[in-house]
ModelCIF file with pLDDT and N, C-alpha, C, O atoms, coordinates in Angstrom:
data_MODEL
#
_entry.id   MODEL 
#
_entity.id                         1 
_entity.type                       polymer 
_entity.pdbx_number_of_molecules   1 
#
_entity_poly.entity_id                      1 
_entity_poly.type                           'polypeptide(L)' 
_entity_poly.nstd_linkage                   no 
_entity_poly.nstd_monomer                   no 
_entity_poly.pdbx_seq_one_letter_code       LVESGGGLVQAGGSLRLSCRTSGINFKIHRMAWYRQTPGKERDLVAAI 
_entity_poly.pdbx_seq_one_letter_code_can   LVESGGGLVQAGGSLRLSCRTSGINFKIHRMAWYRQTPGKERDLVAAI 
_entity_poly.pdbx_strand_id                 A 
#
loop_
_entity_poly_seq.entity_id 
_entity_poly_seq.num 
_entity_poly_seq.mon_id 
_entity_poly_seq.hetero 
1 1  LEU n 
1 2  VAL n 
1 3  GLU n 
1 4  SER n 
1 5  GLY n 
1 6  GLY n 
1 7  GLY n 
1 8  LEU n 
1 9  VAL n 
1 10 GLN n 
1 11 ALA n 
1 12 GLY n 
1 13 GLY n 
1 14 SER n 
1 15 LEU n 
1 16 ARG n 
1 17 LEU n 
1 18 SER n 
1 19 CYS n 
1 20 ARG n 
1 21 THR n 
1 22 SER n 
1 23 GLY n 
1 24 ILE n 
1 25 ASN n 
1 26 PHE n 
1 27 LYS n 
1 28 ILE n 
1 29 HIS n 
1 30 ARG n 
1 31 MET n 
1 32 ALA n 
1 33 TRP n 
1 34 TYR n 
1 35 ARG n 
1 36 GLN n 
1 37 THR n 
1 38 PRO n 
1 39 GLY n 
1 40 LYS n 
1 41 GLU n 
1 42 ARG n 
1 43 ASP n 
1 44 LEU n 
1 45 VAL n 
1 46 ALA n 
1 47 ALA n 
1 48 ILE n 
#
_struct_asym.id          A 
_struct_asym.entity_id   1 
#
loop_
_ma_qa_metric.id 
_ma_qa_metric.mode 
_ma_qa_metric.name 
_ma_qa_metric.software_group_id 
_ma_qa_metric.type 
1 global pLDDT . pLDDT 
2 local  pLDDT . pLDDT 
#
_ma_qa_metric_global.metric_id      1 
_ma_qa_metric_global.metric_value   96.77 
_ma_qa_metric_global.model_id       1 
_ma_qa_metric_global.ordinal_id     1 
#
loop_
_ma_qa_metric_local.label_asym_id 
_ma_qa_metric_local.label_comp_id 
_ma_qa_metric_local.label_seq_id 
_ma_qa_metric_local.metric_id 
_ma_qa_metric_local.metric_value 
_ma_qa_metric_local.model_id 
_ma_qa_metric_local.ordinal_id 
A LEU 1  2 97.00 1 1  
A VAL 2  2 98.00 1 2  
A GLU 3  2 98.00 1 3  
A SER 4  2 97.00 1 4  
A GLY 5  2 98.00 1 5  
A GLY 6  2 96.00 1 6  
A GLY 7  2 97.00 1 7  
A LEU 8  2 98.00 1 8  
A VAL 9  2 98.00 1 9  
A GLN 10 2 98.00 1 10 
A ALA 11 2 98.00 1 11 
A GLY 12 2 98.00 1 12 
A GLY 13 2 98.00 1 13 
A SER 14 2 98.00 1 14 
A LEU 15 2 98.00 1 15 
A ARG 16 2 98.00 1 16 
A LEU 17 2 98.00 1 17 
A SER 18 2 98.00 1 18 
A CYS 19 2 98.00 1 19 
A ARG 20 2 97.00 1 20 
A THR 21 2 96.00 1 21 
A SER 22 2 94.00 1 22 
A GLY 23 2 93.00 1 23 
A ILE 24 2 91.00 1 24 
A ASN 25 2 92.00 1 25 
A PHE 26 2 94.00 1 26 
A LYS 27 2 95.00 1 27 
A ILE 28 2 93.00 1 28 
A HIS 29 2 95.00 1 29 
A ARG 30 2 97.00 1 30 
A MET 31 2 98.00 1 31 
A ALA 32 2 98.00 1 32 
A TRP 33 2 98.00 1 33 
A TYR 34 2 98.00 1 34 
A ARG 35 2 98.00 1 35 
A GLN 36 2 98.00 1 36 
A THR 37 2 97.00 1 37 
A PRO 38 2 94.00 1 38 
A GLY 39 2 95.00 1 39 
A LYS 40 2 96.00 1 40 
A GLU 41 2 96.00 1 41 
A ARG 42 2 97.00 1 42 
A ASP 43 2 98.00 1 43 
A LEU 44 2 98.00 1 44 
A VAL 45 2 98.00 1 45 
A ALA 46 2 98.00 1 46 
A ALA 47 2 98.00 1 47 
A ILE 48 2 98.00 1 48 
#
loop_
_atom_site.group_PDB 
_atom_site.id 
_atom_site.type_symbol 
_atom_site.label_atom_id 
_atom_site.label_alt_id 
_atom_site.label_comp_id 
_atom_site.label_asym_id 
_atom_site.label_entity_id 
_atom_site.label_seq_id 
_atom_site.pdbx_PDB_ins_code 
_atom_site.Cartn_x 
_atom_site.Cartn_y 
_atom_site.Cartn_z 
_atom_site.occupancy 
_atom_site.B_iso_or_equiv 
_atom_site.pdbx_formal_charge 
_atom_site.auth_seq_id 
_atom_site.auth_comp_id 
_atom_site.auth_asym_id 
_atom_site.auth_atom_id 
_atom_site.pdbx_PDB_model_num 
ATOM 1   N N  . LEU A 1 1  ? 29.791 47.597 -23.050 1.00 97.00 ? 1  LEU A N  1 
ATOM 2   C CA . LEU A 1 1  ? 29.216 47.775 -21.517 1.00 97.00 ? 1  LEU A CA 1 
ATOM 3   C C  . LEU A 1 1  ? 28.683 48.753 -21.804 1.00 97.00 ? 1  LEU A C  1 
ATOM 4   O O  . LEU A 1 1  ? 28.946 49.410 -22.811 1.00 97.00 ? 1  LEU A O  1 
ATOM 5   N N  . VAL A 1 2  ? 27.822 49.029 -20.958 1.00 98.00 ? 2  VAL A N  1 
ATOM 6   C CA . VAL A 1 2  ? 26.440 50.371 -20.533 1.00 98.00 ? 2  VAL A CA 1 
ATOM 7   C C  . VAL A 1 2  ? 26.691 50.196 -19.124 1.00 98.00 ? 2  VAL A C  1 
ATOM 8   O O  . VAL A 1 2  ? 26.578 49.439 -18.159 1.00 98.00 ? 2  VAL A O  1 
ATOM 9   N N  . GLU A 1 3  ? 27.112 51.365 -19.558 1.00 98.00 ? 3  GLU A N  1 
ATOM 10  C CA . GLU A 1 3  ? 26.834 51.655 -17.388 1.00 98.00 ? 3  GLU A CA 1 
ATOM 11  C C  . GLU A 1 3  ? 25.990 52.440 -17.421 1.00 98.00 ? 3  GLU A C  1 
ATOM 12  O O  . GLU A 1 3  ? 25.481 52.890 -18.447 1.00 98.00 ? 3  GLU A O  1 
ATOM 13  N N  . SER A 1 4  ? 25.618 52.822 -15.904 1.00 97.00 ? 4  SER A N  1 
ATOM 14  C CA . SER A 1 4  ? 24.318 53.426 -15.429 1.00 97.00 ? 4  SER A CA 1 
ATOM 15  C C  . SER A 1 4  ? 24.082 54.170 -13.835 1.00 97.00 ? 4  SER A C  1 
ATOM 16  O O  . SER A 1 4  ? 25.177 54.121 -13.275 1.00 97.00 ? 4  SER A O  1 
ATOM 17  N N  . GLY A 1 5  ? 23.526 54.526 -13.345 1.00 98.00 ? 5  GLY A N  1 
ATOM 18  C CA . GLY A 1 5  ? 23.784 54.855 -12.368 1.00 98.00 ? 5  GLY A CA 1 
ATOM 19  C C  . GLY A 1 5  ? 24.206 56.043 -11.636 1.00 98.00 ? 5  GLY A C  1 
ATOM 20  O O  . GLY A 1 5  ? 23.958 56.326 -10.464 1.00 98.00 ? 5  GLY A O  1 
ATOM 21  N N  . GLY A 1 6  ? 24.948 56.764 -12.587 1.00 96.00 ? 6  GLY A N  1 
ATOM 22  C CA . GLY A 1 6  ? 25.739 57.983 -12.502 1.00 96.00 ? 6  GLY A CA 1 
ATOM 23  C C  . GLY A 1 6  ? 24.556 59.470 -12.238 1.00 96.00 ? 6  GLY A C  1 
ATOM 24  O O  . GLY A 1 6  ? 23.577 59.564 -12.979 1.00 96.00 ? 6  GLY A O  1 
ATOM 25  N N  . GLY A 1 7  ? 24.817 60.555 -11.101 1.00 97.00 ? 7  GLY A N  1 
ATOM 26  C CA . GLY A 1 7  ? 24.221 61.242 -10.920 1.00 97.00 ? 7  GLY A CA 1 
ATOM 27  C C  . GLY A 1 7  ? 24.761 62.457 -9.951  1.00 97.00 ? 7  GLY A C  1 
ATOM 28  O O  . GLY A 1 7  ? 25.986 62.534 -9.854  1.00 97.00 ? 7  GLY A O  1 
ATOM 29  N N  . LEU A 1 8  ? 23.876 63.531 -9.135  1.00 98.00 ? 8  LEU A N  1 
ATOM 30  C CA . LEU A 1 8  ? 24.498 64.507 -8.473  1.00 98.00 ? 8  LEU A CA 1 
ATOM 31  C C  . LEU A 1 8  ? 24.028 64.242 -7.123  1.00 98.00 ? 8  LEU A C  1 
ATOM 32  O O  . LEU A 1 8  ? 22.889 64.172 -6.662  1.00 98.00 ? 8  LEU A O  1 
ATOM 33  N N  . VAL A 1 9  ? 25.358 64.090 -6.519  1.00 98.00 ? 9  VAL A N  1 
ATOM 34  C CA . VAL A 1 9  ? 25.415 63.804 -5.079  1.00 98.00 ? 9  VAL A CA 1 
ATOM 35  C C  . VAL A 1 9  ? 25.657 64.527 -4.057  1.00 98.00 ? 9  VAL A C  1 
ATOM 36  O O  . VAL A 1 9  ? 26.504 65.400 -4.245  1.00 98.00 ? 9  VAL A O  1 
ATOM 37  N N  . GLN A 1 10 ? 25.077 64.448 -2.756  1.00 98.00 ? 10 GLN A N  1 
ATOM 38  C CA . GLN A 1 10 ? 25.728 65.956 -2.120  1.00 98.00 ? 10 GLN A CA 1 
ATOM 39  C C  . GLN A 1 10 ? 26.858 65.000 -1.115  1.00 98.00 ? 10 GLN A C  1 
ATOM 40  O O  . GLN A 1 10 ? 26.639 63.870 -0.678  1.00 98.00 ? 10 GLN A O  1 
ATOM 41  N N  . ALA A 1 11 ? 27.780 65.617 -0.967  1.00 98.00 ? 11 ALA A N  1 
ATOM 42  C CA . ALA A 1 11 ? 29.065 64.621 -0.358  1.00 98.00 ? 11 ALA A CA 1 
ATOM 43  C C  . ALA A 1 11 ? 28.588 63.861 0.920   1.00 98.00 ? 11 ALA A C  1 
ATOM 44  O O  . ALA A 1 11 ? 27.792 64.515 1.594   1.00 98.00 ? 11 ALA A O  1 
ATOM 45  N N  . GLY A 1 12 ? 28.818 62.952 1.273   1.00 98.00 ? 12 GLY A N  1 
ATOM 46  C CA . GLY A 1 12 ? 28.903 62.836 2.754   1.00 98.00 ? 12 GLY A CA 1 
ATOM 47  C C  . GLY A 1 12 ? 27.468 60.983 1.260   1.00 98.00 ? 12 GLY A C  1 
ATOM 48  O O  . GLY A 1 12 ? 27.550 59.790 1.555   1.00 98.00 ? 12 GLY A O  1 
ATOM 49  N N  . GLY A 1 13 ? 26.871 61.307 0.460   1.00 98.00 ? 13 GLY A N  1 
ATOM 50  C CA . GLY A 1 13 ? 26.004 60.315 -0.257  1.00 98.00 ? 13 GLY A CA 1 
ATOM 51  C C  . GLY A 1 13 ? 26.092 59.561 -0.874  1.00 98.00 ? 13 GLY A C  1 
ATOM 52  O O  . GLY A 1 13 ? 27.306 59.543 -1.081  1.00 98.00 ? 13 GLY A O  1 
ATOM 53  N N  . SER A 1 14 ? 25.602 58.664 -1.514  1.00 98.00 ? 14 SER A N  1 
ATOM 54  C CA . SER A 1 14 ? 25.695 57.039 -2.076  1.00 98.00 ? 14 SER A CA 1 
ATOM 55  C C  . SER A 1 14 ? 25.455 57.771 -3.313  1.00 98.00 ? 14 SER A C  1 
ATOM 56  O O  . SER A 1 14 ? 25.065 58.900 -3.613  1.00 98.00 ? 14 SER A O  1 
ATOM 57  N N  . LEU A 1 15 ? 26.009 56.208 -4.213  1.00 98.00 ? 15 LEU A N  1 
ATOM 58  C CA . LEU A 1 15 ? 25.474 56.052 -5.511  1.00 98.00 ? 15 LEU A CA 1 
ATOM 59  C C  . LEU A 1 15 ? 26.178 54.965 -5.934  1.00 98.00 ? 15 LEU A C  1 
ATOM 60  O O  . LEU A 1 15 ? 27.386 54.875 -5.714  1.00 98.00 ? 15 LEU A O  1 
ATOM 61  N N  . ARG A 1 16 ? 25.342 53.837 -6.720  1.00 98.00 ? 16 ARG A N  1 
ATOM 62  C CA . ARG A 1 16 ? 25.397 52.337 -7.015  1.00 98.00 ? 16 ARG A CA 1 
ATOM 63  C C  . ARG A 1 16 ? 25.791 52.181 -8.744  1.00 98.00 ? 16 ARG A C  1 
ATOM 64  O O  . ARG A 1 16 ? 25.032 51.739 -9.605  1.00 98.00 ? 16 ARG A O  1 
ATOM 65  N N  . LEU A 1 17 ? 26.247 52.344 -8.809  1.00 98.00 ? 17 LEU A N  1 
ATOM 66  C CA . LEU A 1 17 ? 26.854 52.528 -10.743 1.00 98.00 ? 17 LEU A CA 1 
ATOM 67  C C  . LEU A 1 17 ? 27.450 50.998 -11.066 1.00 98.00 ? 17 LEU A C  1 
ATOM 68  O O  . LEU A 1 17 ? 28.515 50.435 -10.814 1.00 98.00 ? 17 LEU A O  1 
ATOM 69  N N  . SER A 1 18 ? 25.953 50.533 -11.902 1.00 98.00 ? 18 SER A N  1 
ATOM 70  C CA . SER A 1 18 ? 25.848 49.108 -12.792 1.00 98.00 ? 18 SER A CA 1 
ATOM 71  C C  . SER A 1 18 ? 26.397 49.262 -14.113 1.00 98.00 ? 18 SER A C  1 
ATOM 72  O O  . SER A 1 18 ? 26.204 50.202 -14.884 1.00 98.00 ? 18 SER A O  1 
ATOM 73  N N  . CYS A 1 19 ? 27.288 47.965 -14.337 1.00 98.00 ? 19 CYS A N  1 
ATOM 74  C CA . CYS A 1 19 ? 27.586 48.241 -16.016 1.00 98.00 ? 19 CYS A CA 1 
ATOM 75  C C  . CYS A 1 19 ? 26.874 47.088 -16.414 1.00 98.00 ? 19 CYS A C  1 
ATOM 76  O O  . CYS A 1 19 ? 26.802 46.189 -15.576 1.00 98.00 ? 19 CYS A O  1 
ATOM 77  N N  . ARG A 1 20 ? 26.287 46.905 -17.600 1.00 97.00 ? 20 ARG A N  1 
ATOM 78  C CA . ARG A 1 20 ? 25.668 45.837 -18.199 1.00 97.00 ? 20 ARG A CA 1 
ATOM 79  C C  . ARG A 1 20 ? 26.528 45.126 -19.561 1.00 97.00 ? 20 ARG A C  1 
ATOM 80  O O  . ARG A 1 20 ? 26.601 45.784 -20.599 1.00 97.00 ? 20 ARG A O  1 
ATOM 81  N N  . THR A 1 21 ? 27.087 43.918 -19.491 1.00 96.00 ? 21 THR A N  1 
ATOM 82  C CA . THR A 1 21 ? 27.446 43.563 -20.623 1.00 96.00 ? 21 THR A CA 1 
ATOM 83  C C  . THR A 1 21 ? 27.122 42.905 -21.612 1.00 96.00 ? 21 THR A C  1 
ATOM 84  O O  . THR A 1 21 ? 25.968 42.477 -21.619 1.00 96.00 ? 21 THR A O  1 
ATOM 85  N N  . SER A 1 22 ? 27.657 42.720 -22.315 1.00 94.00 ? 22 SER A N  1 
ATOM 86  C CA . SER A 1 22 ? 27.313 41.508 -23.391 1.00 94.00 ? 22 SER A CA 1 
ATOM 87  C C  . SER A 1 22 ? 28.475 41.449 -24.933 1.00 94.00 ? 22 SER A C  1 
ATOM 88  O O  . SER A 1 22 ? 29.066 42.285 -25.615 1.00 94.00 ? 22 SER A O  1 
ATOM 89  N N  . GLY A 1 23 ? 28.338 40.025 -24.919 1.00 93.00 ? 23 GLY A N  1 
ATOM 90  C CA . GLY A 1 23 ? 29.266 39.777 -26.071 1.00 93.00 ? 23 GLY A CA 1 
ATOM 91  C C  . GLY A 1 23 ? 30.660 38.988 -25.075 1.00 93.00 ? 23 GLY A C  1 
ATOM 92  O O  . GLY A 1 23 ? 31.403 38.264 -25.738 1.00 93.00 ? 23 GLY A O  1 
ATOM 93  N N  . ILE A 1 24 ? 30.886 39.092 -24.004 1.00 91.00 ? 24 ILE A N  1 
ATOM 94  C CA . ILE A 1 24 ? 31.748 38.451 -23.507 1.00 91.00 ? 24 ILE A CA 1 
ATOM 95  C C  . ILE A 1 24 ? 31.196 36.955 -22.635 1.00 91.00 ? 24 ILE A C  1 
ATOM 96  O O  . ILE A 1 24 ? 30.013 36.881 -22.301 1.00 91.00 ? 24 ILE A O  1 
ATOM 97  N N  . ASN A 1 25 ? 32.024 35.987 -22.370 1.00 92.00 ? 25 ASN A N  1 
ATOM 98  C CA . ASN A 1 25 ? 31.972 34.933 -21.485 1.00 92.00 ? 25 ASN A CA 1 
ATOM 99  C C  . ASN A 1 25 ? 32.107 35.589 -20.328 1.00 92.00 ? 25 ASN A C  1 
ATOM 100 O O  . ASN A 1 25 ? 33.242 35.768 -19.887 1.00 92.00 ? 25 ASN A O  1 
ATOM 101 N N  . PHE A 1 26 ? 30.733 36.167 -19.480 1.00 94.00 ? 26 PHE A N  1 
ATOM 102 C CA . PHE A 1 26 ? 31.392 37.724 -18.640 1.00 94.00 ? 26 PHE A CA 1 
ATOM 103 C C  . PHE A 1 26 ? 32.094 36.879 -17.933 1.00 94.00 ? 26 PHE A C  1 
ATOM 104 O O  . PHE A 1 26 ? 33.308 37.072 -17.877 1.00 94.00 ? 26 PHE A O  1 
ATOM 105 N N  . LYS A 1 27 ? 31.583 35.884 -17.312 1.00 95.00 ? 27 LYS A N  1 
ATOM 106 C CA . LYS A 1 27 ? 32.425 34.942 -15.632 1.00 95.00 ? 27 LYS A CA 1 
ATOM 107 C C  . LYS A 1 27 ? 34.158 34.927 -15.909 1.00 95.00 ? 27 LYS A C  1 
ATOM 108 O O  . LYS A 1 27 ? 35.083 35.335 -15.208 1.00 95.00 ? 27 LYS A O  1 
ATOM 109 N N  . ILE A 1 28 ? 34.147 34.676 -16.422 1.00 93.00 ? 28 ILE A N  1 
ATOM 110 C CA . ILE A 1 28 ? 35.527 34.416 -16.509 1.00 93.00 ? 28 ILE A CA 1 
ATOM 111 C C  . ILE A 1 28 ? 36.086 36.383 -16.665 1.00 93.00 ? 28 ILE A C  1 
ATOM 112 O O  . ILE A 1 28 ? 36.622 36.593 -15.577 1.00 93.00 ? 28 ILE A O  1 
ATOM 113 N N  . HIS A 1 29 ? 36.117 37.006 -17.053 1.00 95.00 ? 29 HIS A N  1 
ATOM 114 C CA . HIS A 1 29 ? 36.800 38.174 -17.104 1.00 95.00 ? 29 HIS A CA 1 
ATOM 115 C C  . HIS A 1 29 ? 36.932 39.244 -15.652 1.00 95.00 ? 29 HIS A C  1 
ATOM 116 O O  . HIS A 1 29 ? 36.083 39.633 -14.851 1.00 95.00 ? 29 HIS A O  1 
ATOM 117 N N  . ARG A 1 30 ? 38.392 39.478 -15.767 1.00 97.00 ? 30 ARG A N  1 
ATOM 118 C CA . ARG A 1 30 ? 38.302 40.630 -14.667 1.00 97.00 ? 30 ARG A CA 1 
ATOM 119 C C  . ARG A 1 30 ? 37.108 41.915 -15.098 1.00 97.00 ? 30 ARG A C  1 
ATOM 120 O O  . ARG A 1 30 ? 37.040 42.543 -16.154 1.00 97.00 ? 30 ARG A O  1 
ATOM 121 N N  . MET A 1 31 ? 36.477 41.994 -14.209 1.00 98.00 ? 31 MET A N  1 
ATOM 122 C CA . MET A 1 31 ? 35.795 44.144 -14.410 1.00 98.00 ? 31 MET A CA 1 
ATOM 123 C C  . MET A 1 31 ? 36.160 44.587 -13.519 1.00 98.00 ? 31 MET A C  1 
ATOM 124 O O  . MET A 1 31 ? 36.406 44.286 -12.351 1.00 98.00 ? 31 MET A O  1 
ATOM 125 N N  . ALA A 1 32 ? 36.204 45.709 -14.419 1.00 98.00 ? 32 ALA A N  1 
ATOM 126 C CA . ALA A 1 32 ? 37.334 47.138 -13.764 1.00 98.00 ? 32 ALA A CA 1 
ATOM 127 C C  . ALA A 1 32 ? 36.250 48.859 -13.675 1.00 98.00 ? 32 ALA A C  1 
ATOM 128 O O  . ALA A 1 32 ? 35.605 49.479 -14.521 1.00 98.00 ? 32 ALA A O  1 
ATOM 129 N N  . TRP A 1 33 ? 36.412 48.980 -12.848 1.00 98.00 ? 33 TRP A N  1 
ATOM 130 C CA . TRP A 1 33 ? 35.372 51.127 -12.928 1.00 98.00 ? 33 TRP A CA 1 
ATOM 131 C C  . TRP A 1 33 ? 37.193 51.433 -12.708 1.00 98.00 ? 33 TRP A C  1 
ATOM 132 O O  . TRP A 1 33 ? 38.072 50.875 -12.050 1.00 98.00 ? 33 TRP A O  1 
ATOM 133 N N  . TYR A 1 34 ? 37.146 52.754 -13.754 1.00 98.00 ? 34 TYR A N  1 
ATOM 134 C CA . TYR A 1 34 ? 38.153 53.378 -13.503 1.00 98.00 ? 34 TYR A CA 1 
ATOM 135 C C  . TYR A 1 34 ? 37.040 54.623 -13.363 1.00 98.00 ? 34 TYR A C  1 
ATOM 136 O O  . TYR A 1 34 ? 35.866 54.527 -13.007 1.00 98.00 ? 34 TYR A O  1 
ATOM 137 N N  . ARG A 1 35 ? 38.111 56.350 -13.932 1.00 98.00 ? 35 ARG A N  1 
ATOM 138 C CA . ARG A 1 35 ? 37.187 57.113 -13.425 1.00 98.00 ? 35 ARG A CA 1 
ATOM 139 C C  . ARG A 1 35 ? 38.476 57.960 -14.109 1.00 98.00 ? 35 ARG A C  1 
ATOM 140 O O  . ARG A 1 35 ? 39.670 57.676 -14.209 1.00 98.00 ? 35 ARG A O  1 
ATOM 141 N N  . GLN A 1 36 ? 37.489 59.427 -14.640 1.00 98.00 ? 36 GLN A N  1 
ATOM 142 C CA . GLN A 1 36 ? 38.913 60.103 -15.223 1.00 98.00 ? 36 GLN A CA 1 
ATOM 143 C C  . GLN A 1 36 ? 37.914 62.021 -15.280 1.00 98.00 ? 36 GLN A C  1 
ATOM 144 O O  . GLN A 1 36 ? 36.711 62.234 -15.427 1.00 98.00 ? 36 GLN A O  1 
ATOM 145 N N  . THR A 1 37 ? 39.081 63.037 -15.090 1.00 97.00 ? 37 THR A N  1 
ATOM 146 C CA . THR A 1 37 ? 38.376 63.936 -14.928 1.00 97.00 ? 37 THR A CA 1 
ATOM 147 C C  . THR A 1 37 ? 38.631 64.829 -15.592 1.00 97.00 ? 37 THR A C  1 
ATOM 148 O O  . THR A 1 37 ? 39.590 64.363 -16.207 1.00 97.00 ? 37 THR A O  1 
ATOM 149 N N  . PRO A 1 38 ? 38.473 66.001 -16.029 1.00 94.00 ? 38 PRO A N  1 
ATOM 150 C CA . PRO A 1 38 ? 38.938 66.754 -17.696 1.00 94.00 ? 38 PRO A CA 1 
ATOM 151 C C  . PRO A 1 38 ? 40.643 67.271 -17.236 1.00 94.00 ? 38 PRO A C  1 
ATOM 152 O O  . PRO A 1 38 ? 41.037 67.774 -16.184 1.00 94.00 ? 38 PRO A O  1 
ATOM 153 N N  . GLY A 1 39 ? 41.312 66.949 -18.348 1.00 95.00 ? 39 GLY A N  1 
ATOM 154 C CA . GLY A 1 39 ? 42.902 66.687 -18.578 1.00 95.00 ? 39 GLY A CA 1 
ATOM 155 C C  . GLY A 1 39 ? 43.097 66.318 -17.517 1.00 95.00 ? 39 GLY A C  1 
ATOM 156 O O  . GLY A 1 39 ? 43.465 67.108 -16.648 1.00 95.00 ? 39 GLY A O  1 
ATOM 157 N N  . LYS A 1 40 ? 42.845 64.560 -17.183 1.00 96.00 ? 40 LYS A N  1 
ATOM 158 C CA . LYS A 1 40 ? 43.769 64.219 -15.936 1.00 96.00 ? 40 LYS A CA 1 
ATOM 159 C C  . LYS A 1 40 ? 43.641 62.816 -17.015 1.00 96.00 ? 40 LYS A C  1 
ATOM 160 O O  . LYS A 1 40 ? 42.881 62.673 -17.973 1.00 96.00 ? 40 LYS A O  1 
ATOM 161 N N  . GLU A 1 41 ? 44.610 61.931 -16.506 1.00 96.00 ? 41 GLU A N  1 
ATOM 162 C CA . GLU A 1 41 ? 44.577 60.273 -17.373 1.00 96.00 ? 41 GLU A CA 1 
ATOM 163 C C  . GLU A 1 41 ? 43.429 59.573 -16.569 1.00 96.00 ? 41 GLU A C  1 
ATOM 164 O O  . GLU A 1 41 ? 43.077 60.057 -15.493 1.00 96.00 ? 41 GLU A O  1 
ATOM 165 N N  . ARG A 1 42 ? 42.863 58.490 -17.048 1.00 97.00 ? 42 ARG A N  1 
ATOM 166 C CA . ARG A 1 42 ? 41.843 57.197 -16.382 1.00 97.00 ? 42 ARG A CA 1 
ATOM 167 C C  . ARG A 1 42 ? 42.809 56.891 -15.361 1.00 97.00 ? 42 ARG A C  1 
ATOM 168 O O  . ARG A 1 42 ? 43.997 56.757 -15.657 1.00 97.00 ? 42 ARG A O  1 
ATOM 169 N N  . ASP A 1 43 ? 42.357 56.759 -14.084 1.00 98.00 ? 43 ASP A N  1 
ATOM 170 C CA . ASP A 1 43 ? 42.323 56.275 -13.576 1.00 98.00 ? 43 ASP A CA 1 
ATOM 171 C C  . ASP A 1 43 ? 41.732 54.922 -12.672 1.00 98.00 ? 43 ASP A C  1 
ATOM 172 O O  . ASP A 1 43 ? 40.629 55.070 -12.144 1.00 98.00 ? 43 ASP A O  1 
ATOM 173 N N  . LEU A 1 44 ? 42.397 53.703 -12.501 1.00 98.00 ? 44 LEU A N  1 
ATOM 174 C CA . LEU A 1 44 ? 41.476 52.701 -11.797 1.00 98.00 ? 44 LEU A CA 1 
ATOM 175 C C  . LEU A 1 44 ? 41.243 53.078 -10.376 1.00 98.00 ? 44 LEU A C  1 
ATOM 176 O O  . LEU A 1 44 ? 41.963 53.840 -9.730  1.00 98.00 ? 44 LEU A O  1 
ATOM 177 N N  . VAL A 1 45 ? 39.993 52.374 -9.877  1.00 98.00 ? 45 VAL A N  1 
ATOM 178 C CA . VAL A 1 45 ? 38.889 52.690 -9.441  1.00 98.00 ? 45 VAL A CA 1 
ATOM 179 C C  . VAL A 1 45 ? 38.931 51.870 -8.315  1.00 98.00 ? 45 VAL A C  1 
ATOM 180 O O  . VAL A 1 45 ? 39.164 52.131 -7.134  1.00 98.00 ? 45 VAL A O  1 
ATOM 181 N N  . ALA A 1 46 ? 38.624 50.676 -8.982  1.00 98.00 ? 46 ALA A N  1 
ATOM 182 C CA . ALA A 1 46 ? 37.979 49.083 -8.697  1.00 98.00 ? 46 ALA A CA 1 
ATOM 183 C C  . ALA A 1 46 ? 38.202 47.907 -8.960  1.00 98.00 ? 46 ALA A C  1 
ATOM 184 O O  . ALA A 1 46 ? 38.607 47.596 -7.839  1.00 98.00 ? 46 ALA A O  1 
ATOM 185 N N  . ALA A 1 47 ? 38.285 46.767 -9.669  1.00 98.00 ? 47 ALA A N  1 
ATOM 186 C CA . ALA A 1 47 ? 38.334 45.680 -10.034 1.00 98.00 ? 47 ALA A CA 1 
ATOM 187 C C  . ALA A 1 47 ? 38.058 44.852 -9.072  1.00 98.00 ? 47 ALA A C  1 
ATOM 188 O O  . ALA A 1 47 ? 37.921 44.902 -7.849  1.00 98.00 ? 47 ALA A O  1 
ATOM 189 N N  . ILE A 1 48 ? 37.977 43.613 -10.402 1.00 98.00 ? 48 ILE A N  1 
ATOM 190 C CA . ILE A 1 48 ? 36.938 42.353 -9.627  1.00 98.00 ? 48 ILE A CA 1 
ATOM 191 C C  . ILE A 1 48 ? 37.381 41.603 -10.364 1.00 98.00 ? 48 ILE A C  1 
ATOM 192 O O  . ILE A 1 48 ? 37.025 40.425 -10.334 1.00 98.00 ? 48 ILE A O  1 
#
């Protein structure tokens, strides 16, 4: 799984993250985005 698209943005702005996958039959898999800040647990952001 390889993520891309992060960066620096001003509040109110937009970003689009992408995750390219290989090695799985992608279409049958649930995919999710998590996020984590220092000292905190990784939290679910969204899933499909």
